[in-house]
Amino acid sequence: MEITREHVVKTLTRVLEEGQEAIEAEPVEITEDTRPIGDLGDFDSLASLMATVRCLDALNLSTHDEIQTLFVGKDDDGRLYARTVREIADTILELKPMDQKGDEDND
């Protein structure tokens, strides 16, 4: 089953909102332009690791060993930066479920 962008964004938003409820008195509205690291209070690298696991698990993509965090990317010069919800969703959409991983090697 193919994962839709809308489903990914809703799942990601829900995970972030649940995280906010646990750590913030006043939640911040989450949009596709939100950068969780920086825009959400107390959302740090450890929170990003936990949110990555929760997000991938909710989307049945939980066993991607190469993914440490969805919330940090590298630019063309190799510098790390905080991703937006839009960029995180795009990254998730590029992932293959583990049962499809490696199928292109058999073509």
PDB file of N, CA and C in Angstrom:
ATOM      1  N   MET A   1       0.827  -1.185   0.000  1.00  0.00           N
ATOM      2  CA  MET A   1       0.000   0.000   0.000  1.00  0.00           C
ATOM      3  C   MET A   1       0.873   1.250   0.000  1.00  0.00           C
ATOM      4  N   GLU A   2       0.590   2.174  -0.889  1.00  0.00           N
ATOM      5  CA  GLU A   2       1.368   3.397  -0.996  1.00  0.00           C
ATOM      6  C   GLU A   2       0.908   4.414   0.052  1.00  0.00           C
ATOM      7  N   ILE A   3       1.863   5.079   0.648  1.00  0.00           N
ATOM      8  CA  ILE A   3       1.577   6.087   1.655  1.00  0.00           C
ATOM      9  C   ILE A   3       1.370   7.427   0.951  1.00  0.00           C
ATOM     10  N   THR A   4       0.290   8.134   1.299  1.00  0.00           N
ATOM     11  CA  THR A   4       0.028   9.432   0.682  1.00  0.00           C
ATOM     12  C   THR A   4       0.700  10.551   1.468  1.00  0.00           C
ATOM     13  N   ARG A   5       0.965  11.640   0.786  1.00  0.00           N
ATOM     14  CA  ARG A   5       1.571  12.814   1.425  1.00  0.00           C
ATOM     15  C   ARG A   5       0.682  13.321   2.553  1.00  0.00           C
ATOM     16  N   GLU A   6      -0.616  13.369   2.304  1.00  0.00           N
ATOM     17  CA  GLU A   6      -1.558  13.857   3.321  1.00  0.00           C
ATOM     18  C   GLU A   6      -1.478  13.001   4.588  1.00  0.00           C
ATOM     19  N   HIS A   7      -1.412  11.689   4.416  1.00  0.00           N
ATOM     20  CA  HIS A   7      -1.313  10.780   5.560  1.00  0.00           C
ATOM     21  C   HIS A   7      -0.009  11.001   6.324  1.00  0.00           C
ATOM     22  N   VAL A   8       1.082  11.184   5.600  1.00  0.00           N
ATOM     23  CA  VAL A   8       2.385  11.421   6.237  1.00  0.00           C
ATOM     24  C   VAL A   8       2.354  12.719   7.040  1.00  0.00           C
ATOM     25  N   VAL A   9       1.843  13.787   6.449  1.00  0.00           N
ATOM     26  CA  VAL A   9       1.806  15.082   7.146  1.00  0.00           C
ATOM     27  C   VAL A   9       0.918  14.997   8.381  1.00  0.00           C
ATOM     28  N   LYS A  10      -0.239  14.344   8.264  1.00  0.00           N
ATOM     29  CA  LYS A  10      -1.135  14.196   9.421  1.00  0.00           C
ATOM     30  C   LYS A  10      -0.476  13.380  10.533  1.00  0.00           C
ATOM     31  N   THR A  11       0.194  12.305  10.162  1.00  0.00           N
ATOM     32  CA  THR A  11       0.869  11.462  11.151  1.00  0.00           C
ATOM     33  C   THR A  11       1.985  12.233  11.830  1.00  0.00           C
ATOM     34  N   LEU A  12       2.797  12.911  11.058  1.00  0.00           N
ATOM     35  CA  LEU A  12       3.897  13.703  11.591  1.00  0.00           C
ATOM     36  C   LEU A  12       3.378  14.798  12.514  1.00  0.00           C
ATOM     37  N   THR A  13       2.333  15.486  12.093  1.00  0.00           N
ATOM     38  CA  THR A  13       1.740  16.543  12.906  1.00  0.00           C
ATOM     39  C   THR A  13       1.211  15.977  14.219  1.00  0.00           C
ATOM     40  N   ARG A  14       0.535  14.831  14.147  1.00  0.00           N
ATOM     41  CA  ARG A  14       0.000  14.208  15.364  1.00  0.00           C
ATOM     42  C   ARG A  14       1.123  13.845  16.333  1.00  0.00           C
ATOM     43  N   VAL A  15       2.203  13.269  15.823  1.00  0.00           N
ATOM     44  CA  VAL A  15       3.344  12.901  16.672  1.00  0.00           C
ATOM     45  C   VAL A  15       3.932  14.150  17.329  1.00  0.00           C
ATOM     46  N   LEU A  16       4.080  15.220  16.567  1.00  0.00           N
ATOM     47  CA  LEU A  16       4.634  16.458  17.108  1.00  0.00           C
ATOM     48  C   LEU A  16       3.696  17.096  18.132  1.00  0.00           C
ATOM     49  N   GLU A  17       2.396  17.069  17.860  1.00  0.00           N
ATOM     50  CA  GLU A  17       1.426  17.624  18.809  1.00  0.00           C
ATOM     51  C   GLU A  17       1.414  16.835  20.112  1.00  0.00           C
ATOM     52  N   GLU A  18       1.488  15.522  20.014  1.00  0.00           N
ATOM     53  CA  GLU A  18       1.547  14.696  21.225  1.00  0.00           C
ATOM     54  C   GLU A  18       2.809  15.001  22.021  1.00  0.00           C
ATOM     55  N   GLY A  19       3.905  15.227  21.331  1.00  0.00           N
ATOM     56  CA  GLY A  19       5.151  15.596  21.999  1.00  0.00           C
ATOM     57  C   GLY A  19       5.047  16.948  22.678  1.00  0.00           C
ATOM     58  N   GLN A  20       4.384  17.891  22.032  1.00  0.00           N
ATOM     59  CA  GLN A  20       4.186  19.208  22.625  1.00  0.00           C
ATOM     60  C   GLN A  20       3.361  19.126  23.905  1.00  0.00           C
ATOM     61  N   GLU A  21       2.318  18.296  23.864  1.00  0.00           N
ATOM     62  CA  GLU A  21       1.464  18.140  25.041  1.00  0.00           C
ATOM     63  C   GLU A  21       2.276  17.667  26.243  1.00  0.00           C
ATOM     64  N   ALA A  22       3.273  16.840  25.982  1.00  0.00           N
ATOM     65  CA  ALA A  22       4.080  16.296  27.066  1.00  0.00           C
ATOM     66  C   ALA A  22       5.090  17.304  27.618  1.00  0.00           C
ATOM     67  N   ILE A  23       5.519  18.281  26.794  1.00  0.00           N
ATOM     68  CA  ILE A  23       6.609  19.170  27.240  1.00  0.00           C
ATOM     69  C   ILE A  23       6.275  20.651  27.262  1.00  0.00           C
ATOM     70  N   GLU A  24       5.170  21.085  26.681  1.00  0.00           N
ATOM     71  CA  GLU A  24       4.879  22.509  26.597  1.00  0.00           C
ATOM     72  C   GLU A  24       3.541  22.872  27.185  1.00  0.00           C
ATOM     73  N   ALA A  25       3.520  23.999  27.878  1.00  0.00           N
ATOM     74  CA  ALA A  25       2.268  24.492  28.443  1.00  0.00           C
ATOM     75  C   ALA A  25       1.362  25.030  27.340  1.00  0.00           C
ATOM     76  N   GLU A  26       1.945  25.771  26.398  1.00  0.00           N
ATOM     77  CA  GLU A  26       1.169  26.343  25.301  1.00  0.00           C
ATOM     78  C   GLU A  26       1.645  25.790  23.972  1.00  0.00           C
ATOM     79  N   PRO A  27       0.830  24.950  23.339  1.00  0.00           N
ATOM     80  CA  PRO A  27       1.254  24.357  22.071  1.00  0.00           C
ATOM     81  C   PRO A  27       1.400  25.389  20.956  1.00  0.00           C
ATOM     82  N   VAL A  28       2.314  25.108  20.054  1.00  0.00           N
ATOM     83  CA  VAL A  28       2.552  25.934  18.882  1.00  0.00           C
ATOM     84  C   VAL A  28       1.824  25.280  17.710  1.00  0.00           C
ATOM     85  N   GLU A  29       1.172  26.079  16.877  1.00  0.00           N
ATOM     86  CA  GLU A  29       0.516  25.532  15.689  1.00  0.00           C
ATOM     87  C   GLU A  29       1.576  24.967  14.754  1.00  0.00           C
ATOM     88  N   ILE A  30       1.331  23.767  14.265  1.00  0.00           N
ATOM     89  CA  ILE A  30       2.278  23.096  13.378  1.00  0.00           C
ATOM     90  C   ILE A  30       1.757  23.162  11.948  1.00  0.00           C
ATOM     91  N   THR A  31       2.597  23.697  11.066  1.00  0.00           N
ATOM     92  CA  THR A  31       2.289  23.765   9.638  1.00  0.00           C
ATOM     93  C   THR A  31       3.423  23.072   8.888  1.00  0.00           C
ATOM     94  N   GLU A  32       3.308  23.006   7.578  1.00  0.00           N
ATOM     95  CA  GLU A  32       4.386  22.389   6.789  1.00  0.00           C
ATOM     96  C   GLU A  32       5.655  23.232   6.804  1.00  0.00           C
ATOM     97  N   ASP A  33       5.558  24.503   7.197  1.00  0.00           N
ATOM     98  CA  ASP A  33       6.739  25.366   7.282  1.00  0.00           C
ATOM     99  C   ASP A  33       7.409  25.330   8.656  1.00  0.00           C
ATOM    100  N   THR A  34       6.793  24.636   9.611  1.00  0.00           N
ATOM    101  CA  THR A  34       7.356  24.531  10.959  1.00  0.00           C
ATOM    102  C   THR A  34       8.647  23.734  10.925  1.00  0.00           C
ATOM    103  N   ARG A  35       9.659  24.247  11.621  1.00  0.00           N
ATOM    104  CA  ARG A  35      10.907  23.507  11.845  1.00  0.00           C
ATOM    105  C   ARG A  35      10.853  23.044  13.301  1.00  0.00           C
ATOM    106  N   PRO A  36      10.517  21.763  13.525  1.00  0.00           N
ATOM    107  CA  PRO A  36      10.376  21.306  14.905  1.00  0.00           C
ATOM    108  C   PRO A  36      11.574  21.655  15.784  1.00  0.00           C
ATOM    109  N   ILE A  37      12.792  21.431  15.261  1.00  0.00           N
ATOM    110  CA  ILE A  37      13.976  21.830  16.020  1.00  0.00           C
ATOM    111  C   ILE A  37      14.141  23.338  15.794  1.00  0.00           C
ATOM    112  N   GLY A  38      13.841  24.087  16.816  1.00  0.00           N
ATOM    113  CA  GLY A  38      13.943  25.543  16.728  1.00  0.00           C
ATOM    114  C   GLY A  38      12.597  26.222  16.922  1.00  0.00           C
ATOM    115  N   ASP A  39      11.544  25.671  16.333  1.00  0.00           N
ATOM    116  CA  ASP A  39      10.220  26.298  16.441  1.00  0.00           C
ATOM    117  C   ASP A  39       9.390  25.759  17.602  1.00  0.00           C
ATOM    118  N   LEU A  40       9.644  24.527  18.007  1.00  0.00           N
ATOM    119  CA  LEU A  40       8.883  23.927  19.105  1.00  0.00           C
ATOM    120  C   LEU A  40       9.750  23.911  20.359  1.00  0.00           C
ATOM    121  N   GLY A  41       9.242  24.529  21.412  1.00  0.00           N
ATOM    122  CA  GLY A  41      10.007  24.615  22.649  1.00  0.00           C
ATOM    123  C   GLY A  41      10.418  23.243  23.163  1.00  0.00           C
ATOM    124  N   ASP A  42      11.641  23.128  23.598  1.00  0.00           N
ATOM    125  CA  ASP A  42      12.193  21.904  24.173  1.00  0.00           C
ATOM    126  C   ASP A  42      12.265  20.733  23.197  1.00  0.00           C
ATOM    127  N   PHE A  43      12.053  20.969  21.904  1.00  0.00           N
ATOM    128  CA  PHE A  43      12.217  19.896  20.912  1.00  0.00           C
ATOM    129  C   PHE A  43      13.672  19.920  20.486  1.00  0.00           C
ATOM    130  N   ASP A  44      14.435  18.981  21.031  1.00  0.00           N
ATOM    131  CA  ASP A  44      15.868  18.943  20.773  1.00  0.00           C
ATOM    132  C   ASP A  44      16.243  17.652  20.042  1.00  0.00           C
ATOM    133  N   SER A  45      17.529  17.374  19.975  1.00  0.00           N
ATOM    134  CA  SER A  45      17.982  16.204  19.225  1.00  0.00           C
ATOM    135  C   SER A  45      17.452  14.909  19.831  1.00  0.00           C
ATOM    136  N   LEU A  46      17.363  14.817  21.143  1.00  0.00           N
ATOM    137  CA  LEU A  46      16.808  13.609  21.764  1.00  0.00           C
ATOM    138  C   LEU A  46      15.324  13.468  21.439  1.00  0.00           C
ATOM    139  N   ALA A  47      14.579  14.558  21.525  1.00  0.00           N
ATOM    140  CA  ALA A  47      13.156  14.521  21.170  1.00  0.00           C
ATOM    141  C   ALA A  47      12.990  14.133  19.700  1.00  0.00           C
ATOM    142  N   SER A  48      13.918  14.583  18.848  1.00  0.00           N
ATOM    143  CA  SER A  48      13.814  14.252  17.424  1.00  0.00           C
ATOM    144  C   SER A  48      14.025  12.761  17.180  1.00  0.00           C
ATOM    145  N   LEU A  49      14.890  12.138  17.966  1.00  0.00           N
ATOM    146  CA  LEU A  49      15.100  10.693  17.836  1.00  0.00           C
ATOM    147  C   LEU A  49      13.839   9.928  18.225  1.00  0.00           C
ATOM    148  N   MET A  50      13.228  10.328  19.327  1.00  0.00           N
ATOM    149  CA  MET A  50      12.006   9.653  19.784  1.00  0.00           C
ATOM    150  C   MET A  50      10.863   9.890  18.801  1.00  0.00           C
ATOM    151  N   ALA A  51      10.745  11.110  18.279  1.00  0.00           N
ATOM    152  CA  ALA A  51       9.685  11.423  17.321  1.00  0.00           C
ATOM    153  C   ALA A  51       9.903  10.669  16.007  1.00  0.00           C
ATOM    154  N   THR A  52      11.147  10.499  15.607  1.00  0.00           N
ATOM    155  CA  THR A  52      11.455   9.730  14.392  1.00  0.00           C
ATOM    156  C   THR A  52      10.962   8.298  14.533  1.00  0.00           C
ATOM    157  N   VAL A  53      11.277   7.673  15.642  1.00  0.00           N
ATOM    158  CA  VAL A  53      10.850   6.291  15.876  1.00  0.00           C
ATOM    159  C   VAL A  53       9.329   6.199  15.885  1.00  0.00           C
ATOM    160  N   ARG A  54       8.669   7.119  16.583  1.00  0.00           N
ATOM    161  CA  ARG A  54       7.208   7.099  16.667  1.00  0.00           C
ATOM    162  C   ARG A  54       6.571   7.305  15.298  1.00  0.00           C
ATOM    163  N   CYS A  55       7.132   8.211  14.526  1.00  0.00           N
ATOM    164  CA  CYS A  55       6.591   8.522  13.197  1.00  0.00           C
ATOM    165  C   CYS A  55       6.759   7.335  12.255  1.00  0.00           C
ATOM    166  N   LEU A  56       7.956   6.803  12.177  1.00  0.00           N
ATOM    167  CA  LEU A  56       8.205   5.675  11.291  1.00  0.00           C
ATOM    168  C   LEU A  56       7.387   4.456  11.713  1.00  0.00           C
ATOM    169  N   ASP A  57       7.258   4.258  13.020  1.00  0.00           N
ATOM    170  CA  ASP A  57       6.464   3.147  13.519  1.00  0.00           C
ATOM    171  C   ASP A  57       4.996   3.307  13.123  1.00  0.00           C
ATOM    172  N   ALA A  58       4.460   4.512  13.268  1.00  0.00           N
ATOM    173  CA  ALA A  58       3.062   4.770  12.912  1.00  0.00           C
ATOM    174  C   ALA A  58       2.805   4.549  11.425  1.00  0.00           C
ATOM    175  N   LEU A  59       3.836   4.726  10.619  1.00  0.00           N
ATOM    176  CA  LEU A  59       3.708   4.556   9.167  1.00  0.00           C
ATOM    177  C   LEU A  59       4.202   3.179   8.699  1.00  0.00           C
ATOM    178  N   ASN A  60       4.468   2.295   9.646  1.00  0.00           N
ATOM    179  CA  ASN A  60       4.993   0.952   9.348  1.00  0.00           C
ATOM    180  C   ASN A  60       6.319   1.009   8.597  1.00  0.00           C
ATOM    181  N   LEU A  61       7.136   1.969   8.956  1.00  0.00           N
ATOM    182  CA  LEU A  61       8.472   2.123   8.367  1.00  0.00           C
ATOM    183  C   LEU A  61       9.519   2.125   9.478  1.00  0.00           C
ATOM    184  N   SER A  62       9.235   1.438  10.571  1.00  0.00           N
ATOM    185  CA  SER A  62      10.003   1.604  11.798  1.00  0.00           C
ATOM    186  C   SER A  62      11.376   0.952  11.829  1.00  0.00           C
ATOM    187  N   THR A  63      11.719   0.118  10.889  1.00  0.00           N
ATOM    188  CA  THR A  63      12.983  -0.604  11.005  1.00  0.00           C
ATOM    189  C   THR A  63      14.040  -0.125  10.022  1.00  0.00           C
ATOM    190  N   HIS A  64      13.976   1.122   9.610  1.00  0.00           N
ATOM    191  CA  HIS A  64      15.004   1.666   8.723  1.00  0.00           C
ATOM    192  C   HIS A  64      16.249   1.994   9.540  1.00  0.00           C
ATOM    193  N   ASP A  65      17.225   1.102   9.504  1.00  0.00           N
ATOM    194  CA  ASP A  65      18.425   1.255  10.311  1.00  0.00           C
ATOM    195  C   ASP A  65      19.242   2.487   9.928  1.00  0.00           C
ATOM    196  N   GLU A  66      19.153   2.908   8.666  1.00  0.00           N
ATOM    197  CA  GLU A  66      19.979   4.041   8.221  1.00  0.00           C
ATOM    198  C   GLU A  66      19.426   5.387   8.684  1.00  0.00           C
ATOM    199  N   ILE A  67      18.223   5.401   9.224  1.00  0.00           N
ATOM    200  CA  ILE A  67      17.597   6.648   9.667  1.00  0.00           C
ATOM    201  C   ILE A  67      17.850   6.832  11.155  1.00  0.00           C
ATOM    202  N   GLN A  68      18.548   7.891  11.523  1.00  0.00           N
ATOM    203  CA  GLN A  68      18.705   8.223  12.932  1.00  0.00           C
ATOM    204  C   GLN A  68      17.660   9.254  13.337  1.00  0.00           C
ATOM    205  N   THR A  69      17.525  10.286  12.528  1.00  0.00           N
ATOM    206  CA  THR A  69      16.513  11.304  12.778  1.00  0.00           C
ATOM    207  C   THR A  69      16.021  11.856  11.452  1.00  0.00           C
ATOM    208  N   LEU A  70      14.723  12.071  11.369  1.00  0.00           N
ATOM    209  CA  LEU A  70      14.117  12.677  10.185  1.00  0.00           C
ATOM    210  C   LEU A  70      14.209  14.198  10.227  1.00  0.00           C
ATOM    211  N   PHE A  71      14.519  14.743  11.375  1.00  0.00           N
ATOM    212  CA  PHE A  71      14.374  16.173  11.632  1.00  0.00           C
ATOM    213  C   PHE A  71      15.607  17.001  11.304  1.00  0.00           C
ATOM    214  N   VAL A  72      16.699  16.348  10.934  1.00  0.00           N
ATOM    215  CA  VAL A  72      17.939  17.039  10.571  1.00  0.00           C
ATOM    216  C   VAL A  72      18.362  16.560   9.192  1.00  0.00           C
ATOM    217  N   GLY A  73      18.707  17.510   8.328  1.00  0.00           N
ATOM    218  CA  GLY A  73      19.182  17.171   6.999  1.00  0.00           C
ATOM    219  C   GLY A  73      20.575  17.713   6.773  1.00  0.00           C
ATOM    220  N   LYS A  74      21.148  17.386   5.631  1.00  0.00           N
ATOM    221  CA  LYS A  74      22.449  17.925   5.224  1.00  0.00           C
ATOM    222  C   LYS A  74      22.255  18.698   3.939  1.00  0.00           C
ATOM    223  N   ASP A  75      22.852  19.885   3.880  1.00  0.00           N
ATOM    224  CA  ASP A  75      22.773  20.661   2.642  1.00  0.00           C
ATOM    225  C   ASP A  75      23.844  20.172   1.673  1.00  0.00           C
ATOM    226  N   ASP A  76      23.936  20.812   0.511  1.00  0.00           N
ATOM    227  CA  ASP A  76      24.878  20.380  -0.527  1.00  0.00           C
ATOM    228  C   ASP A  76      26.334  20.463  -0.088  1.00  0.00           C
ATOM    229  N   ASP A  77      26.605  21.305   0.925  1.00  0.00           N
ATOM    230  CA  ASP A  77      27.971  21.432   1.436  1.00  0.00           C
ATOM    231  C   ASP A  77      28.229  20.535   2.637  1.00  0.00           C
ATOM    232  N   GLY A  78      27.250  19.686   2.969  1.00  0.00           N
ATOM    233  CA  GLY A  78      27.419  18.760   4.080  1.00  0.00           C
ATOM    234  C   GLY A  78      27.102  19.339   5.445  1.00  0.00           C
ATOM    235  N   ARG A  79      26.592  20.569   5.466  1.00  0.00           N
ATOM    236  CA  ARG A  79      26.232  21.189   6.748  1.00  0.00           C
ATOM    237  C   ARG A  79      24.860  20.707   7.193  1.00  0.00           C
ATOM    238  N   LEU A  80      24.729  20.464   8.494  1.00  0.00           N
ATOM    239  CA  LEU A  80      23.455  20.028   9.063  1.00  0.00           C
ATOM    240  C   LEU A  80      22.506  21.210   9.210  1.00  0.00           C
ATOM    241  N   TYR A  81      21.218  20.957   9.019  1.00  0.00           N
ATOM    242  CA  TYR A  81      20.207  21.989   9.223  1.00  0.00           C
ATOM    243  C   TYR A  81      18.921  21.340   9.718  1.00  0.00           C
ATOM    244  N   ALA A  82      18.086  22.143  10.377  1.00  0.00           N
ATOM    245  CA  ALA A  82      16.796  21.660  10.875  1.00  0.00           C
ATOM    246  C   ALA A  82      15.799  21.654   9.720  1.00  0.00           C
ATOM    247  N   ARG A  83      15.186  20.494   9.472  1.00  0.00           N
ATOM    248  CA  ARG A  83      14.214  20.364   8.389  1.00  0.00           C
ATOM    249  C   ARG A  83      12.847  20.905   8.794  1.00  0.00           C
ATOM    250  N   THR A  84      12.092  21.346   7.791  1.00  0.00           N
ATOM    251  CA  THR A  84      10.697  21.718   7.993  1.00  0.00           C
ATOM    252  C   THR A  84       9.836  20.456   7.945  1.00  0.00           C
ATOM    253  N   VAL A  85       8.594  20.574   8.400  1.00  0.00           N
ATOM    254  CA  VAL A  85       7.657  19.462   8.301  1.00  0.00           C
ATOM    255  C   VAL A  85       7.526  19.035   6.841  1.00  0.00           C
ATOM    256  N   ARG A  86       7.506  19.987   5.924  1.00  0.00           N
ATOM    257  CA  ARG A  86       7.423  19.687   4.487  1.00  0.00           C
ATOM    258  C   ARG A  86       8.600  18.810   4.046  1.00  0.00           C
ATOM    259  N   GLU A  87       9.802  19.193   4.452  1.00  0.00           N
ATOM    260  CA  GLU A  87      11.002  18.436   4.073  1.00  0.00           C
ATOM    261  C   GLU A  87      11.009  17.050   4.723  1.00  0.00           C
ATOM    262  N   ILE A  88      10.530  16.970   5.951  1.00  0.00           N
ATOM    263  CA  ILE A  88      10.456  15.680   6.637  1.00  0.00           C
ATOM    264  C   ILE A  88       9.483  14.758   5.908  1.00  0.00           C
ATOM    265  N   ALA A  89       8.319  15.294   5.526  1.00  0.00           N
ATOM    266  CA  ALA A  89       7.326  14.506   4.788  1.00  0.00           C
ATOM    267  C   ALA A  89       7.912  14.023   3.468  1.00  0.00           C
ATOM    268  N   ASP A  90       8.637  14.885   2.765  1.00  0.00           N
ATOM    269  CA  ASP A  90       9.268  14.483   1.499  1.00  0.00           C
ATOM    270  C   ASP A  90      10.261  13.341   1.719  1.00  0.00           C
ATOM    271  N   THR A  91      11.018  13.430   2.806  1.00  0.00           N
ATOM    272  CA  THR A  91      11.991  12.384   3.134  1.00  0.00           C
ATOM    273  C   THR A  91      11.277  11.064   3.412  1.00  0.00           C
ATOM    274  N   ILE A  92      10.200  11.113   4.173  1.00  0.00           N
ATOM    275  CA  ILE A  92       9.434   9.898   4.486  1.00  0.00           C
ATOM    276  C   ILE A  92       8.876   9.277   3.218  1.00  0.00           C
ATOM    277  N   LEU A  93       8.375  10.112   2.318  1.00  0.00           N
ATOM    278  CA  LEU A  93       7.781   9.598   1.082  1.00  0.00           C
ATOM    279  C   LEU A  93       8.810   8.902   0.187  1.00  0.00           C
ATOM    280  N   GLU A  94      10.082   9.217   0.357  1.00  0.00           N
ATOM    281  CA  GLU A  94      11.139   8.571  -0.420  1.00  0.00           C
ATOM    282  C   GLU A  94      11.532   7.210   0.145  1.00  0.00           C
ATOM    283  N   LEU A  95      11.129   6.925   1.390  1.00  0.00           N
ATOM    284  CA  LEU A  95      11.467   5.653   2.018  1.00  0.00           C
ATOM    285  C   LEU A  95      10.598   4.536   1.464  1.00  0.00           C
ATOM    286  N   LYS A  96      11.156   3.357   1.445  1.00  0.00           N
ATOM    287  CA  LYS A  96      10.397   2.178   1.041  1.00  0.00           C
ATOM    288  C   LYS A  96      10.121   1.366   2.298  1.00  0.00           C
ATOM    289  N   PRO A  97       8.944   0.760   2.391  1.00  0.00           N
ATOM    290  CA  PRO A  97       8.715  -0.165   3.501  1.00  0.00           C
ATOM    291  C   PRO A  97       9.789  -1.241   3.488  1.00  0.00           C
ATOM    292  N   MET A  98      10.115  -1.764   4.638  1.00  0.00           N
ATOM    293  CA  MET A  98      11.195  -2.738   4.730  1.00  0.00           C
ATOM    294  C   MET A  98      10.962  -3.968   3.864  1.00  0.00           C
ATOM    295  N   ASP A  99       9.708  -4.375   3.631  1.00  0.00           N
ATOM    296  CA  ASP A  99       9.469  -5.546   2.791  1.00  0.00           C
ATOM    297  C   ASP A  99       9.735  -5.275   1.310  1.00  0.00           C
ATOM    298  N   GLN A 100       9.875  -3.992   0.929  1.00  0.00           N
ATOM    299  CA  GLN A 100      10.188  -3.643  -0.466  1.00  0.00           C
ATOM    300  C   GLN A 100      11.658  -3.284  -0.626  1.00  0.00           C
ATOM    301  N   LYS A 101      12.360  -3.066   0.478  1.00  0.00           N
ATOM    302  CA  LYS A 101      13.751  -2.660   0.427  1.00  0.00           C
ATOM    303  C   LYS A 101      14.575  -3.734  -0.266  1.00  0.00           C
ATOM    304  N   GLY A 102      15.327  -3.324  -1.224  1.00  0.00           N
ATOM    305  CA  GLY A 102      16.187  -4.256  -1.950  1.00  0.00           C
ATOM    306  C   GLY A 102      15.524  -4.923  -3.137  1.00  0.00           C
ATOM    307  N   ASP A 103      14.238  -4.690  -3.349  1.00  0.00           N
ATOM    308  CA  ASP A 103      13.555  -5.309  -4.482  1.00  0.00           C
ATOM    309  C   ASP A 103      14.151  -4.890  -5.818  1.00  0.00           C
ATOM    310  N   GLU A 104      14.669  -3.630  -5.870  1.00  0.00           N
ATOM    311  CA  GLU A 104      15.225  -3.180  -7.146  1.00  0.00           C
ATOM    312  C   GLU A 104      16.489  -3.947  -7.503  1.00  0.00           C
ATOM    313  N   ASP A 105      17.138  -4.584  -6.502  1.00  0.00           N
ATOM    314  CA  ASP A 105      18.321  -5.395  -6.768  1.00  0.00           C
ATOM    315  C   ASP A 105      17.962  -6.690  -7.501  1.00  0.00           C
ATOM    316  N   ASN A 106      16.691  -7.094  -7.392  1.00  0.00           N
ATOM    317  CA  ASN A 106      16.266  -8.339  -8.021  1.00  0.00           C
ATOM    318  C   ASN A 106      15.708  -8.136  -9.419  1.00  0.00           C
ATOM    319  N   ASP A 107      15.658  -6.884  -9.897  1.00  0.00           N
ATOM    320  CA  ASP A 107      15.116  -6.604 -11.215  1.00  0.00           C
ATOM    321  C   ASP A 107      16.069  -6.988 -12.323  1.00  0.00           C
TER     322      ASP A 107
END
